[in-house]
PDB file of all heavy atoms in Angstrom:
ATOM      1  N   VAL A   1     100.979  46.412  79.769  1.00  0.00           N
ATOM      2  CA  VAL A   1     101.810  47.072  80.770  1.00  0.00           C
ATOM      3  C   VAL A   1     102.962  47.793  80.066  1.00  0.00           C
ATOM      4  O   VAL A   1     103.653  47.199  79.241  1.00  0.00           O
ATOM      5  CB  VAL A   1     102.372  46.056  81.782  1.00  0.00           C
ATOM      6  CG1 VAL A   1     103.239  46.759  82.820  1.00  0.00           C
ATOM      7  CG2 VAL A   1     101.233  45.299  82.468  1.00  0.00           C
ATOM      8  N   LYS A   2     103.157  49.063  80.394  1.00  0.00           N
ATOM      9  CA  LYS A   2     104.212  49.861  79.763  1.00  0.00           C
ATOM     10  C   LYS A   2     105.107  50.480  80.831  1.00  0.00           C
ATOM     11  O   LYS A   2     104.617  51.075  81.790  1.00  0.00           O
ATOM     12  CB  LYS A   2     103.610  50.968  78.901  1.00  0.00           C
ATOM     13  CG  LYS A   2     104.655  51.834  78.179  1.00  0.00           C
ATOM     14  CD  LYS A   2     104.000  52.863  77.296  1.00  0.00           C
ATOM     15  CE  LYS A   2     105.034  53.777  76.645  1.00  0.00           C
ATOM     16  NZ  LYS A   2     105.974  53.018  75.792  1.00  0.00           N
ATOM     17  N   LEU A   3     106.430  50.326  80.648  1.00  0.00           N
ATOM     18  CA  LEU A   3     107.390  50.981  81.535  1.00  0.00           C
ATOM     19  C   LEU A   3     107.450  52.466  81.207  1.00  0.00           C
ATOM     20  O   LEU A   3     107.528  52.841  80.029  1.00  0.00           O
ATOM     21  CB  LEU A   3     108.784  50.367  81.365  1.00  0.00           C
ATOM     22  CG  LEU A   3     109.063  49.035  82.065  1.00  0.00           C
ATOM     23  CD1 LEU A   3     110.393  48.469  81.594  1.00  0.00           C
ATOM     24  CD2 LEU A   3     109.081  49.218  83.583  1.00  0.00           C
ATOM     25  N   VAL A   4     107.396  53.299  82.210  1.00  0.00           N
ATOM     26  CA  VAL A   4     107.440  54.751  81.998  1.00  0.00           C
ATOM     27  C   VAL A   4     108.334  55.405  83.042  1.00  0.00           C
ATOM     28  O   VAL A   4     108.615  54.830  84.089  1.00  0.00           O
ATOM     29  CB  VAL A   4     106.030  55.380  82.062  1.00  0.00           C
ATOM     30  CG1 VAL A   4     105.153  54.891  80.933  1.00  0.00           C
ATOM     31  CG2 VAL A   4     105.383  55.111  83.421  1.00  0.00           C
ATOM     32  N   ARG A   5     108.768  56.611  82.728  1.00  0.00           N
ATOM     33  CA  ARG A   5     109.502  57.402  83.696  1.00  0.00           C
ATOM     34  C   ARG A   5     108.511  58.108  84.613  1.00  0.00           C
ATOM     35  O   ARG A   5     107.408  58.454  84.193  1.00  0.00           O
ATOM     36  CB  ARG A   5     110.370  58.430  82.975  1.00  0.00           C
ATOM     37  CG  ARG A   5     111.374  57.823  82.032  1.00  0.00           C
ATOM     38  CD  ARG A   5     112.166  58.874  81.290  1.00  0.00           C
ATOM     39  NE  ARG A   5     113.031  59.639  82.168  1.00  0.00           N
ATOM     40  CZ  ARG A   5     113.954  60.499  81.737  1.00  0.00           C
ATOM     41  NH1 ARG A   5     114.122  60.698  80.440  1.00  0.00           N
ATOM     42  NH2 ARG A   5     114.701  61.148  82.590  1.00  0.00           N
ATOM     43  N   PRO A   6     108.859  58.337  85.851  1.00  0.00           N
ATOM     44  CA  PRO A   6     107.976  59.121  86.728  1.00  0.00           C
ATOM     45  C   PRO A   6     107.746  60.508  86.145  1.00  0.00           C
ATOM     46  O   PRO A   6     108.644  61.096  85.533  1.00  0.00           O
ATOM     47  CB  PRO A   6     108.775  59.194  88.039  1.00  0.00           C
ATOM     48  CG  PRO A   6     109.707  58.033  87.986  1.00  0.00           C
ATOM     49  CD  PRO A   6     110.064  57.858  86.544  1.00  0.00           C
ATOM     50  N   GLY A   7     106.534  61.013  86.303  1.00  0.00           N
ATOM     51  CA  GLY A   7     106.226  62.340  85.783  1.00  0.00           C
ATOM     52  C   GLY A   7     104.746  62.499  85.513  1.00  0.00           C
ATOM     53  O   GLY A   7     103.922  61.644  85.863  1.00  0.00           O
ATOM     54  N   ASP A   8     104.393  63.607  84.886  1.00  0.00           N
ATOM     55  CA  ASP A   8     103.003  63.919  84.536  1.00  0.00           C
ATOM     56  C   ASP A   8     102.731  63.508  83.099  1.00  0.00           C
ATOM     57  O   ASP A   8     103.541  63.775  82.191  1.00  0.00           O
ATOM     58  CB  ASP A   8     102.731  65.411  84.716  1.00  0.00           C
ATOM     59  CG  ASP A   8     102.894  65.858  86.160  1.00  0.00           C
ATOM     60  OD1 ASP A   8     102.574  65.051  87.060  1.00  0.00           O
ATOM     61  OD2 ASP A   8     103.344  66.993  86.386  1.00  0.00           O
ATOM     62  N   TYR A   9     101.570  62.893  82.881  1.00  0.00           N
ATOM     63  CA  TYR A   9     101.204  62.403  81.555  1.00  0.00           C
ATOM     64  C   TYR A   9      99.760  62.793  81.235  1.00  0.00           C
ATOM     65  O   TYR A   9      98.931  62.950  82.136  1.00  0.00           O
ATOM     66  CB  TYR A   9     101.332  60.876  81.481  1.00  0.00           C
ATOM     67  CG  TYR A   9     102.750  60.369  81.585  1.00  0.00           C
ATOM     68  CD1 TYR A   9     103.318  60.088  82.827  1.00  0.00           C
ATOM     69  CD2 TYR A   9     103.519  60.172  80.444  1.00  0.00           C
ATOM     70  CE1 TYR A   9     104.622  59.621  82.923  1.00  0.00           C
ATOM     71  CE2 TYR A   9     104.825  59.697  80.528  1.00  0.00           C
ATOM     72  CZ  TYR A   9     105.362  59.425  81.770  1.00  0.00           C
ATOM     73  OH  TYR A   9     106.649  58.969  81.865  1.00  0.00           O
ATOM     74  N   GLU A  10      99.494  62.907  79.929  1.00  0.00           N
ATOM     75  CA  GLU A  10      98.124  63.110  79.462  1.00  0.00           C
ATOM     76  C   GLU A  10      97.697  61.896  78.661  1.00  0.00           C
ATOM     77  O   GLU A  10      98.390  61.479  77.727  1.00  0.00           O
ATOM     78  CB  GLU A  10      98.012  64.365  78.592  1.00  0.00           C
ATOM     79  CG  GLU A  10      96.575  64.599  78.104  1.00  0.00           C
ATOM     80  CD  GLU A  10      96.446  65.818  77.207  1.00  0.00           C
ATOM     81  OE1 GLU A  10      96.772  65.700  76.007  1.00  0.00           O
ATOM     82  OE2 GLU A  10      96.030  66.877  77.714  1.00  0.00           O
ATOM     83  N   ILE A  11      96.564  61.335  79.037  1.00  0.00           N
ATOM     84  CA  ILE A  11      95.991  60.191  78.327  1.00  0.00           C
ATOM     85  C   ILE A  11      94.830  60.685  77.485  1.00  0.00           C
ATOM     86  O   ILE A  11      93.939  61.381  77.979  1.00  0.00           O
ATOM     87  CB  ILE A  11      95.504  59.120  79.312  1.00  0.00           C
ATOM     88  CG1 ILE A  11      96.641  58.684  80.243  1.00  0.00           C
ATOM     89  CG2 ILE A  11      94.931  57.924  78.567  1.00  0.00           C
ATOM     90  CD1 ILE A  11      96.164  57.882  81.432  1.00  0.00           C
ATOM     91  N   SER A  12      94.839  60.344  76.206  1.00  0.00           N
ATOM     92  CA  SER A  12      93.751  60.717  75.295  1.00  0.00           C
ATOM     93  C   SER A  12      93.159  59.446  74.691  1.00  0.00           C
ATOM     94  O   SER A  12      93.907  58.577  74.222  1.00  0.00           O
ATOM     95  CB  SER A  12      94.265  61.624  74.170  1.00  0.00           C
ATOM     96  OG  SER A  12      94.874  62.776  74.701  1.00  0.00           O
ATOM     97  N   VAL A  13      91.842  59.350  74.716  1.00  0.00           N
ATOM     98  CA  VAL A  13      91.152  58.166  74.196  1.00  0.00           C
ATOM     99  C   VAL A  13      90.040  58.619  73.255  1.00  0.00           C
ATOM    100  O   VAL A  13      89.291  59.548  73.562  1.00  0.00           O
ATOM    101  CB  VAL A  13      90.556  57.315  75.334  1.00  0.00           C
ATOM    102  CG1 VAL A  13      89.900  56.057  74.782  1.00  0.00           C
ATOM    103  CG2 VAL A  13      91.635  56.942  76.346  1.00  0.00           C
ATOM    104  N   SER A  14      89.940  57.954  72.115  1.00  0.00           N
ATOM    105  CA  SER A  14      88.896  58.318  71.150  1.00  0.00           C
ATOM    106  C   SER A  14      88.457  57.085  70.367  1.00  0.00           C
ATOM    107  O   SER A  14      89.204  56.104  70.245  1.00  0.00           O
ATOM    108  CB  SER A  14      89.393  59.398  70.183  1.00  0.00           C
ATOM    109  OG  SER A  14      90.494  58.921  69.434  1.00  0.00           O
ATOM    110  N   ARG A  15      87.240  57.157  69.878  1.00  0.00           N
ATOM    111  CA  ARG A  15      86.696  56.125  68.989  1.00  0.00           C
ATOM    112  C   ARG A  15      85.501  56.712  68.272  1.00  0.00           C
ATOM    113  O   ARG A  15      84.721  57.476  68.861  1.00  0.00           O
ATOM    114  CB  ARG A  15      86.281  54.872  69.764  1.00  0.00           C
ATOM    115  CG  ARG A  15      85.846  53.713  68.850  1.00  0.00           C
ATOM    116  CD  ARG A  15      85.300  52.552  69.663  1.00  0.00           C
ATOM    117  NE  ARG A  15      85.022  51.393  68.869  1.00  0.00           N
ATOM    118  CZ  ARG A  15      83.895  51.205  68.161  1.00  0.00           C
ATOM    119  NH1 ARG A  15      82.955  52.147  68.179  1.00  0.00           N
ATOM    120  NH2 ARG A  15      83.711  50.103  67.457  1.00  0.00           N
ATOM    121  N   GLU A  16      85.346  56.346  67.024  1.00  0.00           N
ATOM    122  CA  GLU A  16      84.220  56.856  66.243  1.00  0.00           C
ATOM    123  C   GLU A  16      82.896  56.456  66.895  1.00  0.00           C
ATOM    124  O   GLU A  16      82.699  55.310  67.303  1.00  0.00           O
ATOM    125  CB  GLU A  16      84.276  56.302  64.816  1.00  0.00           C
ATOM    126  CG  GLU A  16      83.191  56.861  63.899  1.00  0.00           C
ATOM    127  CD  GLU A  16      83.295  56.326  62.484  1.00  0.00           C
ATOM    128  OE1 GLU A  16      84.219  55.547  62.208  1.00  0.00           O
ATOM    129  OE2 GLU A  16      82.438  56.683  61.662  1.00  0.00           O
ATOM    130  N   GLY A  17      82.000  57.442  67.021  1.00  0.00           N
ATOM    131  CA  GLY A  17      80.695  57.184  67.619  1.00  0.00           C
ATOM    132  C   GLY A  17      80.652  57.386  69.116  1.00  0.00           C
ATOM    133  O   GLY A  17      79.584  57.285  69.726  1.00  0.00           O
ATOM    134  N   PHE A  18      81.824  57.682  69.717  1.00  0.00           N
ATOM    135  CA  PHE A  18      81.899  57.870  71.161  1.00  0.00           C
ATOM    136  C   PHE A  18      82.561  59.216  71.467  1.00  0.00           C
ATOM    137  O   PHE A  18      83.344  59.735  70.668  1.00  0.00           O
ATOM    138  CB  PHE A  18      82.722  56.750  71.813  1.00  0.00           C
ATOM    139  CG  PHE A  18      82.056  55.408  71.787  1.00  0.00           C
ATOM    140  CD1 PHE A  18      82.049  54.645  70.629  1.00  0.00           C
ATOM    141  CD2 PHE A  18      81.429  54.898  72.911  1.00  0.00           C
ATOM    142  CE1 PHE A  18      81.449  53.400  70.599  1.00  0.00           C
ATOM    143  CE2 PHE A  18      80.826  53.657  72.902  1.00  0.00           C
ATOM    144  CZ  PHE A  18      80.825  52.904  71.739  1.00  0.00           C
ATOM    145  N   GLY A  19      82.239  59.773  72.609  1.00  0.00           N
ATOM    146  CA  GLY A  19      82.855  61.015  73.027  1.00  0.00           C
ATOM    147  C   GLY A  19      84.303  60.810  73.439  1.00  0.00           C
ATOM    148  O   GLY A  19      84.642  59.801  74.053  1.00  0.00           O
ATOM    149  N   ASP A  20      85.170  61.753  73.079  1.00  0.00           N
ATOM    150  CA  ASP A  20      86.582  61.660  73.456  1.00  0.00           C
ATOM    151  C   ASP A  20      86.747  61.848  74.959  1.00  0.00           C
ATOM    152  O   ASP A  20      85.938  62.500  75.617  1.00  0.00           O
ATOM    153  CB  ASP A  20      87.408  62.717  72.727  1.00  0.00           C
ATOM    154  CG  ASP A  20      87.400  62.521  71.213  1.00  0.00           C
ATOM    155  OD1 ASP A  20      86.983  61.434  70.769  1.00  0.00           O
ATOM    156  OD2 ASP A  20      87.795  63.449  70.495  1.00  0.00           O
ATOM    157  N   GLU A  21      87.805  61.281  75.498  1.00  0.00           N
ATOM    158  CA  GLU A  21      88.132  61.437  76.918  1.00  0.00           C
ATOM    159  C   GLU A  21      89.605  61.802  77.052  1.00  0.00           C
ATOM    160  O   GLU A  21      90.456  61.280  76.324  1.00  0.00           O
ATOM    161  CB  GLU A  21      87.863  60.147  77.693  1.00  0.00           C
ATOM    162  CG  GLU A  21      86.395  59.815  77.881  1.00  0.00           C
ATOM    163  CD  GLU A  21      85.768  60.567  79.045  1.00  0.00           C
ATOM    164  OE1 GLU A  21      86.513  61.207  79.803  1.00  0.00           O
ATOM    165  OE2 GLU A  21      84.536  60.496  79.182  1.00  0.00           O
ATOM    166  N   LYS A  22      89.894  62.692  77.994  1.00  0.00           N
ATOM    167  CA  LYS A  22      91.274  63.021  78.338  1.00  0.00           C
ATOM    168  C   LYS A  22      91.423  62.973  79.843  1.00  0.00           C
ATOM    169  O   LYS A  22      90.488  63.291  80.585  1.00  0.00           O
ATOM    170  CB  LYS A  22      91.657  64.411  77.819  1.00  0.00           C
ATOM    171  CG  LYS A  22      91.863  64.473  76.321  1.00  0.00           C
ATOM    172  CD  LYS A  22      92.415  65.826  75.892  1.00  0.00           C
ATOM    173  CE  LYS A  22      92.675  65.859  74.396  1.00  0.00           C
ATOM    174  NZ  LYS A  22      93.247  67.162  73.956  1.00  0.00           N
ATOM    175  N   GLN A  23      92.598  62.577  80.283  1.00  0.00           N
ATOM    176  CA  GLN A  23      92.851  62.489  81.725  1.00  0.00           C
ATOM    177  C   GLN A  23      94.313  62.802  82.006  1.00  0.00           C
ATOM    178  O   GLN A  23      95.208  62.333  81.284  1.00  0.00           O
ATOM    179  CB  GLN A  23      92.502  61.081  82.225  1.00  0.00           C
ATOM    180  CG  GLN A  23      92.576  60.930  83.739  1.00  0.00           C
ATOM    181  CD  GLN A  23      92.029  59.590  84.198  1.00  0.00           C
ATOM    182  OE1 GLN A  23      91.145  59.021  83.582  1.00  0.00           O
ATOM    183  NE2 GLN A  23      92.540  59.072  85.283  1.00  0.00           N
ATOM    184  N   GLN A  24      94.542  63.604  83.019  1.00  0.00           N
ATOM    185  CA  GLN A  24      95.896  63.918  83.461  1.00  0.00           C
ATOM    186  C   GLN A  24      96.246  62.996  84.626  1.00  0.00           C
ATOM    187  O   GLN A  24      95.461  62.847  85.554  1.00  0.00           O
ATOM    188  CB  GLN A  24      95.992  65.377  83.909  1.00  0.00           C
ATOM    189  CG  GLN A  24      95.560  66.400  82.859  1.00  0.00           C
ATOM    190  CD  GLN A  24      96.559  66.540  81.735  1.00  0.00           C
ATOM    191  OE1 GLN A  24      97.741  66.273  81.914  1.00  0.00           O
ATOM    192  NE2 GLN A  24      96.096  66.970  80.582  1.00  0.00           N
ATOM    193  N   VAL A  25      97.428  62.376  84.556  1.00  0.00           N
ATOM    194  CA  VAL A  25      97.851  61.491  85.635  1.00  0.00           C
ATOM    195  C   VAL A  25      99.288  61.825  86.041  1.00  0.00           C
ATOM    196  O   VAL A  25     100.075  62.299  85.224  1.00  0.00           O
ATOM    197  CB  VAL A  25      97.770  60.000  85.231  1.00  0.00           C
ATOM    198  CG1 VAL A  25      96.341  59.596  84.948  1.00  0.00           C
ATOM    199  CG2 VAL A  25      98.665  59.702  84.048  1.00  0.00           C
ATOM    200  N   THR A  26      99.591  61.590  87.287  1.00  0.00           N
ATOM    201  CA  THR A  26     100.950  61.747  87.803  1.00  0.00           C
ATOM    202  C   THR A  26     101.466  60.377  88.216  1.00  0.00           C
ATOM    203  O   THR A  26     100.848  59.702  89.041  1.00  0.00           O
ATOM    204  CB  THR A  26     100.986  62.703  89.008  1.00  0.00           C
ATOM    205  OG1 THR A  26     100.543  64.001  88.586  1.00  0.00           O
ATOM    206  CG2 THR A  26     102.394  62.820  89.564  1.00  0.00           C
ATOM    207  N   ILE A  27     102.570  59.971  87.613  1.00  0.00           N
ATOM    208  CA  ILE A  27     103.168  58.677  87.904  1.00  0.00           C
ATOM    209  C   ILE A  27     104.417  58.907  88.751  1.00  0.00           C
ATOM    210  O   ILE A  27     105.295  59.679  88.385  1.00  0.00           O
ATOM    211  CB  ILE A  27     103.555  57.930  86.603  1.00  0.00           C
ATOM    212  CG1 ILE A  27     102.340  57.819  85.673  1.00  0.00           C
ATOM    213  CG2 ILE A  27     104.121  56.559  86.927  1.00  0.00           C
ATOM    214  CD1 ILE A  27     101.212  57.010  86.228  1.00  0.00           C
ATOM    215  N   ARG A  28     104.472  58.235  89.876  1.00  0.00           N
ATOM    216  CA  ARG A  28     105.612  58.372  90.782  1.00  0.00           C
ATOM    217  C   ARG A  28     106.543  57.163  90.681  1.00  0.00           C
ATOM    218  O   ARG A  28     106.161  56.131  90.139  1.00  0.00           O
ATOM    219  CB  ARG A  28     105.118  58.547  92.228  1.00  0.00           C
ATOM    220  CG  ARG A  28     104.333  59.836  92.435  1.00  0.00           C
ATOM    221  CD  ARG A  28     103.804  59.970  93.851  1.00  0.00           C
ATOM    222  NE  ARG A  28     103.163  61.257  94.063  1.00  0.00           N
ATOM    223  CZ  ARG A  28     101.909  61.545  93.720  1.00  0.00           C
ATOM    224  NH1 ARG A  28     101.160  60.607  93.132  1.00  0.00           N
ATOM    225  NH2 ARG A  28     101.402  62.737  93.941  1.00  0.00           N
ATOM    226  N   ARG A  29     107.714  57.334  91.203  1.00  0.00           N
ATOM    227  CA  ARG A  29     108.718  56.275  91.159  1.00  0.00           C
ATOM    228  C   ARG A  29     108.168  54.984  91.775  1.00  0.00           C
ATOM    229  O   ARG A  29     107.551  54.998  92.839  1.00  0.00           O
ATOM    230  CB  ARG A  29     109.970  56.731  91.916  1.00  0.00           C
ATOM    231  CG  ARG A  29     111.115  55.733  91.895  1.00  0.00           C
ATOM    232  CD  ARG A  29     112.313  56.311  92.637  1.00  0.00           C
ATOM    233  NE  ARG A  29     113.377  55.338  92.771  1.00  0.00           N
ATOM    234  CZ  ARG A  29     114.267  55.068  91.808  1.00  0.00           C
ATOM    235  NH1 ARG A  29     114.224  55.740  90.671  1.00  0.00           N
ATOM    236  NH2 ARG A  29     115.213  54.161  91.988  1.00  0.00           N
ATOM    237  N   ASN A  30     108.381  53.886  91.063  1.00  0.00           N
ATOM    238  CA  ASN A  30     107.953  52.541  91.476  1.00  0.00           C
ATOM    239  C   ASN A  30     106.443  52.370  91.497  1.00  0.00           C
ATOM    240  O   ASN A  30     105.951  51.372  92.031  1.00  0.00           O
ATOM    241  CB  ASN A  30     108.534  52.189  92.857  1.00  0.00           C
ATOM    242  CG  ASN A  30     110.052  52.138  92.857  1.00  0.00           C
ATOM    243  OD1 ASN A  30     110.664  51.717  91.875  1.00  0.00           O
ATOM    244  ND2 ASN A  30     110.669  52.591  93.937  1.00  0.00           N
ATOM    245  N   ASP A  31     105.693  53.317  90.932  1.00  0.00           N
ATOM    246  CA  ASP A  31     104.242  53.148  90.799  1.00  0.00           C
ATOM    247  C   ASP A  31     103.924  52.004  89.838  1.00  0.00           C
ATOM    248  O   ASP A  31     104.675  51.735  88.892  1.00  0.00           O
ATOM    249  CB  ASP A  31     103.592  54.426  90.256  1.00  0.00           C
ATOM    250  CG  ASP A  31     103.179  55.375  91.364  1.00  0.00           C
ATOM    251  OD1 ASP A  31     103.358  55.022  92.540  1.00  0.00           O
ATOM    252  OD2 ASP A  31     102.690  56.479  91.053  1.00  0.00           O
ATOM    253  N   ALA A  32     102.802  51.358  90.092  1.00  0.00           N
ATOM    254  CA  ALA A  32     102.233  50.400  89.140  1.00  0.00           C
ATOM    255  C   ALA A  32     100.802  50.860  88.899  1.00  0.00           C
ATOM    256  O   ALA A  32      99.844  50.292  89.432  1.00  0.00           O
ATOM    257  CB  ALA A  32     102.289  48.982  89.688  1.00  0.00           C
ATOM    258  N   ALA A  33     100.681  51.921  88.116  1.00  0.00           N
ATOM    259  CA  ALA A  33      99.385  52.575  87.920  1.00  0.00           C
ATOM    260  C   ALA A  33      98.500  51.749  86.987  1.00  0.00           C
ATOM    261  O   ALA A  33      98.956  51.269  85.942  1.00  0.00           O
ATOM    262  CB  ALA A  33      99.596  53.971  87.359  1.00  0.00           C
ATOM    263  N   ARG A  34      97.247  51.604  87.386  1.00  0.00           N
ATOM    264  CA  ARG A  34      96.240  50.927  86.546  1.00  0.00           C
ATOM    265  C   ARG A  34      95.049  51.873  86.440  1.00  0.00           C
ATOM    266  O   ARG A  34      94.397  52.168  87.437  1.00  0.00           O
ATOM    267  CB  ARG A  34      95.828  49.595  87.161  1.00  0.00           C
ATOM    268  CG  ARG A  34      94.900  48.758  86.271  1.00  0.00           C
ATOM    269  CD  ARG A  34      94.685  47.382  86.911  1.00  0.00           C
ATOM    270  NE  ARG A  34      93.912  46.512  86.047  1.00  0.00           N
ATOM    271  CZ  ARG A  34      92.583  46.414  86.084  1.00  0.00           C
ATOM    272  NH1 ARG A  34      91.905  47.151  86.955  1.00  0.00           N
ATOM    273  NH2 ARG A  34      91.938  45.600  85.273  1.00  0.00           N
ATOM    274  N   ILE A  35      94.794  52.341  85.231  1.00  0.00           N
ATOM    275  CA  ILE A  35      93.797  53.392  85.025  1.00  0.00           C
ATOM    276  C   ILE A  35      92.685  52.879  84.119  1.00  0.00           C
ATOM    277  O   ILE A  35      92.944  52.365  83.027  1.00  0.00           O
ATOM    278  CB  ILE A  35      94.454  54.642  84.423  1.00  0.00           C
ATOM    279  CG1 ILE A  35      95.508  55.178  85.405  1.00  0.00           C
ATOM    280  CG2 ILE A  35      93.415  55.703  84.105  1.00  0.00           C
ATOM    281  CD1 ILE A  35      96.379  56.252  84.838  1.00  0.00           C
ATOM    282  N   LEU A  36      91.447  53.019  84.605  1.00  0.00           N
ATOM    283  CA  LEU A  36      90.274  52.610  83.828  1.00  0.00           C
ATOM    284  C   LEU A  36      89.632  53.834  83.195  1.00  0.00           C
ATOM    285  O   LEU A  36      89.463  54.869  83.847  1.00  0.00           O
ATOM    286  CB  LEU A  36      89.252  51.909  84.725  1.00  0.00           C
ATOM    287  CG  LEU A  36      89.421  50.405  84.962  1.00  0.00           C
ATOM    288  CD1 LEU A  36      90.700  50.111  85.710  1.00  0.00           C
ATOM    289  CD2 LEU A  36      88.209  49.850  85.705  1.00  0.00           C
ATOM    290  N   MET A  37      89.270  53.707  81.926  1.00  0.00           N
ATOM    291  CA  MET A  37      88.557  54.769  81.221  1.00  0.00           C
ATOM    292  C   MET A  37      87.501  54.128  80.331  1.00  0.00           C
ATOM    293  O   MET A  37      87.728  53.055  79.753  1.00  0.00           O
ATOM    294  CB  MET A  37      89.516  55.632  80.383  1.00  0.00           C
ATOM    295  CG  MET A  37      90.579  56.346  81.206  1.00  0.00           C
ATOM    296  SD  MET A  37      91.759  57.304  80.211  1.00  0.00           S
ATOM    297  CE  MET A  37      90.677  58.622  79.599  1.00  0.00           C
TER     298      MET A  37
END
């Protein structure tokens, strides 16, 4: 769990042998976002 400021974020995920993934998310005030990739 990471504390963040509200706003727009880009998540990038990579690992050798697997295709990279990117996702844009918007975090709002008091959100408790849980994102599966």
